[in-house]
Amino acid sequence: MSTDDRPPAAGRLDPPTMAEAATRARTAALGTDGVAELHAGKFAEVRTYLPGATVPGVRVEDGVVHVHVVLTPDRDIPATTGLVHTAVAAATGFEVVVHVDDVATTERPLRSTS
């Protein structure tokens, strides 16, 4: 068996799978009621790097999808994070960790991660 025929090491994702997981996670999280936006971190460090692009607010590493959200103030935080977790897990099939980075204080958040 050559090295090209071997499956990825346990807990490790190959780049196409990482790209697909990050993109699906972003779409699922942003489609959840109560999520205003995704947060890329203070220094834009929370992102998944793809060839020629990035997915801000989502980090995929060691088989875990980390989603950093900014929530709307009109929703219950634990319930909304549960909805995000369920949506992202269903969309990606991977373990999910939801990080609440902020709660939006205006109808239209002041900063954007797109």
C-alpha atoms as a PDB file:
ATOM      1  CA  MET A   1       0.000   0.000   0.000  1.00  0.00           C
ATOM      2  CA  SER A   2       1.508   3.294  -1.021  1.00  0.00           C
ATOM      3  CA  THR A   3       1.213   6.413   1.099  1.00  0.00           C
ATOM      4  CA  ASP A   4      -1.357   7.794  -1.379  1.00  0.00           C
ATOM      5  CA  ASP A   5      -3.648   4.797  -0.774  1.00  0.00           C
ATOM      6  CA  ARG A   6      -3.738   5.193   2.983  1.00  0.00           C
ATOM      7  CA  PRO A   7      -6.724   6.849   4.618  1.00  0.00           C
ATOM      8  CA  PRO A   8      -6.115  10.093   6.546  1.00  0.00           C
ATOM      9  CA  ALA A   9      -4.785   9.618  10.063  1.00  0.00           C
ATOM     10  CA  ALA A  10      -7.484   9.350  12.708  1.00  0.00           C
ATOM     11  CA  GLY A  11      -8.800  12.764  13.657  1.00  0.00           C
ATOM     12  CA  ARG A  12      -7.113  14.455  10.708  1.00  0.00           C
ATOM     13  CA  LEU A  13      -8.980  15.837   7.729  1.00  0.00           C
ATOM     14  CA  ASP A  14      -7.631  16.117   4.233  1.00  0.00           C
ATOM     15  CA  PRO A  15      -7.814  19.649   2.747  1.00  0.00           C
ATOM     16  CA  PRO A  16     -10.891  19.090   0.510  1.00  0.00           C
ATOM     17  CA  THR A  17     -12.801  17.698   3.475  1.00  0.00           C
ATOM     18  CA  MET A  18     -11.643  20.578   5.670  1.00  0.00           C
ATOM     19  CA  ALA A  19     -12.774  23.074   3.044  1.00  0.00           C
ATOM     20  CA  GLU A  20     -16.153  21.437   2.672  1.00  0.00           C
ATOM     21  CA  ALA A  21     -16.633  21.126   6.449  1.00  0.00           C
ATOM     22  CA  ALA A  22     -15.705  24.770   7.038  1.00  0.00           C
ATOM     23  CA  THR A  23     -18.001  26.014   4.284  1.00  0.00           C
ATOM     24  CA  ARG A  24     -20.902  23.863   5.441  1.00  0.00           C
ATOM     25  CA  ALA A  25     -20.341  24.913   9.062  1.00  0.00           C
ATOM     26  CA  ARG A  26     -20.421  28.610   8.119  1.00  0.00           C
ATOM     27  CA  THR A  27     -23.637  28.206   6.112  1.00  0.00           C
ATOM     28  CA  ALA A  28     -25.333  26.174   8.852  1.00  0.00           C
ATOM     29  CA  ALA A  29     -24.339  28.571  11.634  1.00  0.00           C
ATOM     30  CA  LEU A  30     -25.387  31.686   9.731  1.00  0.00           C
ATOM     31  CA  GLY A  31     -28.698  30.005   8.898  1.00  0.00           C
ATOM     32  CA  THR A  32     -29.544  29.535  12.570  1.00  0.00           C
ATOM     33  CA  ASP A  33     -32.053  31.951  14.110  1.00  0.00           C
ATOM     34  CA  GLY A  34     -30.293  34.127  16.645  1.00  0.00           C
ATOM     35  CA  VAL A  35     -26.894  34.190  14.921  1.00  0.00           C
ATOM     36  CA  ALA A  36     -26.039  37.717  13.794  1.00  0.00           C
ATOM     37  CA  GLU A  37     -22.660  36.853  12.263  1.00  0.00           C
ATOM     38  CA  LEU A  38     -19.537  34.780  12.735  1.00  0.00           C
ATOM     39  CA  HIS A  39     -16.568  36.260  14.548  1.00  0.00           C
ATOM     40  CA  ALA A  40     -13.052  35.933  13.174  1.00  0.00           C
ATOM     41  CA  GLY A  41     -11.342  36.909  16.416  1.00  0.00           C
ATOM     42  CA  LYS A  42      -9.671  40.088  17.609  1.00  0.00           C
ATOM     43  CA  PHE A  43      -6.779  39.645  15.204  1.00  0.00           C
ATOM     44  CA  ALA A  44      -8.712  37.702  12.509  1.00  0.00           C
ATOM     45  CA  GLU A  45      -7.055  34.520  13.735  1.00  0.00           C
ATOM     46  CA  VAL A  46     -10.197  32.363  13.716  1.00  0.00           C
ATOM     47  CA  ARG A  47     -10.529  31.077  10.178  1.00  0.00           C
ATOM     48  CA  THR A  48      -9.978  28.062   8.008  1.00  0.00           C
ATOM     49  CA  TYR A  49      -7.465  28.645   5.244  1.00  0.00           C
ATOM     50  CA  LEU A  50      -8.333  27.288   1.819  1.00  0.00           C
ATOM     51  CA  PRO A  51      -6.492  27.588  -1.479  1.00  0.00           C
ATOM     52  CA  GLY A  52      -7.149  31.184  -2.506  1.00  0.00           C
ATOM     53  CA  ALA A  53      -9.726  31.916   0.212  1.00  0.00           C
ATOM     54  CA  THR A  54     -10.570  31.665   3.884  1.00  0.00           C
ATOM     55  CA  VAL A  55     -13.675  30.845   5.903  1.00  0.00           C
ATOM     56  CA  PRO A  56     -13.720  33.421   8.732  1.00  0.00           C
ATOM     57  CA  GLY A  57     -15.264  32.454  12.048  1.00  0.00           C
ATOM     58  CA  VAL A  58     -14.751  28.724  11.535  1.00  0.00           C
ATOM     59  CA  ARG A  59     -11.652  26.742  12.450  1.00  0.00           C
ATOM     60  CA  VAL A  60     -11.352  23.066  11.553  1.00  0.00           C
ATOM     61  CA  GLU A  61      -8.586  21.192  13.311  1.00  0.00           C
ATOM     62  CA  ASP A  62      -7.977  17.635  14.450  1.00  0.00           C
ATOM     63  CA  GLY A  63     -11.450  16.510  13.349  1.00  0.00           C
ATOM     64  CA  VAL A  64     -13.259  19.218  15.324  1.00  0.00           C
ATOM     65  CA  VAL A  65     -15.185  22.160  13.868  1.00  0.00           C
ATOM     66  CA  HIS A  66     -14.952  25.309  16.014  1.00  0.00           C
ATOM     67  CA  VAL A  67     -17.612  27.900  15.201  1.00  0.00           C
ATOM     68  CA  HIS A  68     -17.303  31.414  16.680  1.00  0.00           C
ATOM     69  CA  VAL A  69     -20.659  33.209  16.746  1.00  0.00           C
ATOM     70  CA  VAL A  70     -22.072  36.632  17.523  1.00  0.00           C
ATOM     71  CA  LEU A  71     -25.638  36.233  18.747  1.00  0.00           C
ATOM     72  CA  THR A  72     -28.625  38.546  18.584  1.00  0.00           C
ATOM     73  CA  PRO A  73     -29.751  39.921  21.956  1.00  0.00           C
ATOM     74  CA  ASP A  74     -33.339  38.701  21.566  1.00  0.00           C
ATOM     75  CA  ARG A  75     -32.538  34.972  21.880  1.00  0.00           C
ATOM     76  CA  ASP A  76     -31.686  32.672  24.753  1.00  0.00           C
ATOM     77  CA  ILE A  77     -27.922  32.093  24.588  1.00  0.00           C
ATOM     78  CA  PRO A  78     -27.802  28.418  25.688  1.00  0.00           C
ATOM     79  CA  ALA A  79     -30.741  27.485  23.447  1.00  0.00           C
ATOM     80  CA  THR A  80     -29.227  29.280  20.452  1.00  0.00           C
ATOM     81  CA  THR A  81     -25.821  27.669  20.915  1.00  0.00           C
ATOM     82  CA  GLY A  82     -27.576  24.306  21.084  1.00  0.00           C
ATOM     83  CA  LEU A  83     -29.303  25.049  17.773  1.00  0.00           C
ATOM     84  CA  VAL A  84     -25.984  26.090  16.216  1.00  0.00           C
ATOM     85  CA  HIS A  85     -24.307  22.934  17.510  1.00  0.00           C
ATOM     86  CA  THR A  86     -27.051  20.715  16.109  1.00  0.00           C
ATOM     87  CA  ALA A  87     -27.101  22.486  12.723  1.00  0.00           C
ATOM     88  CA  VAL A  88     -23.322  22.438  12.266  1.00  0.00           C
ATOM     89  CA  ALA A  89     -22.985  18.816  13.411  1.00  0.00           C
ATOM     90  CA  ALA A  90     -25.716  17.748  10.974  1.00  0.00           C
ATOM     91  CA  ALA A  91     -24.116  19.722   8.128  1.00  0.00           C
ATOM     92  CA  THR A  92     -20.560  18.492   8.690  1.00  0.00           C
ATOM     93  CA  GLY A  93     -20.744  15.153  10.487  1.00  0.00           C
ATOM     94  CA  PHE A  94     -17.895  16.208  12.755  1.00  0.00           C
ATOM     95  CA  GLU A  95     -17.551  17.049  16.429  1.00  0.00           C
ATOM     96  CA  VAL A  96     -18.534  20.688  17.007  1.00  0.00           C
ATOM     97  CA  VAL A  97     -17.538  23.299  19.568  1.00  0.00           C
ATOM     98  CA  VAL A  98     -19.564  26.518  19.579  1.00  0.00           C
ATOM     99  CA  HIS A  99     -17.878  29.635  20.955  1.00  0.00           C
ATOM    100  CA  VAL A 100     -20.015  32.671  21.779  1.00  0.00           C
ATOM    101  CA  ASP A 101     -17.680  35.576  21.117  1.00  0.00           C
ATOM    102  CA  ASP A 102     -20.163  38.426  21.410  1.00  0.00           C
ATOM    103  CA  VAL A 103     -23.782  39.512  21.512  1.00  0.00           C
ATOM    104  CA  ALA A 104     -24.771  42.100  18.931  1.00  0.00           C
ATOM    105  CA  THR A 105     -25.992  45.355  20.470  1.00  0.00           C
ATOM    106  CA  THR A 106     -27.543  46.753  17.309  1.00  0.00           C
ATOM    107  CA  GLU A 107     -29.807  45.288  14.669  1.00  0.00           C
ATOM    108  CA  ARG A 108     -26.929  45.533  12.201  1.00  0.00           C
ATOM    109  CA  PRO A 109     -23.566  44.539  13.748  1.00  0.00           C
ATOM    110  CA  LEU A 110     -20.826  47.119  13.347  1.00  0.00           C
ATOM    111  CA  ARG A 111     -18.065  44.771  12.233  1.00  0.00           C
ATOM    112  CA  SER A 112     -18.182  42.146   9.546  1.00  0.00           C
ATOM    113  CA  THR A 113     -16.244  38.933   9.067  1.00  0.00           C
ATOM    114  CA  SER A 114     -17.100  38.415   5.420  1.00  0.00           C
END
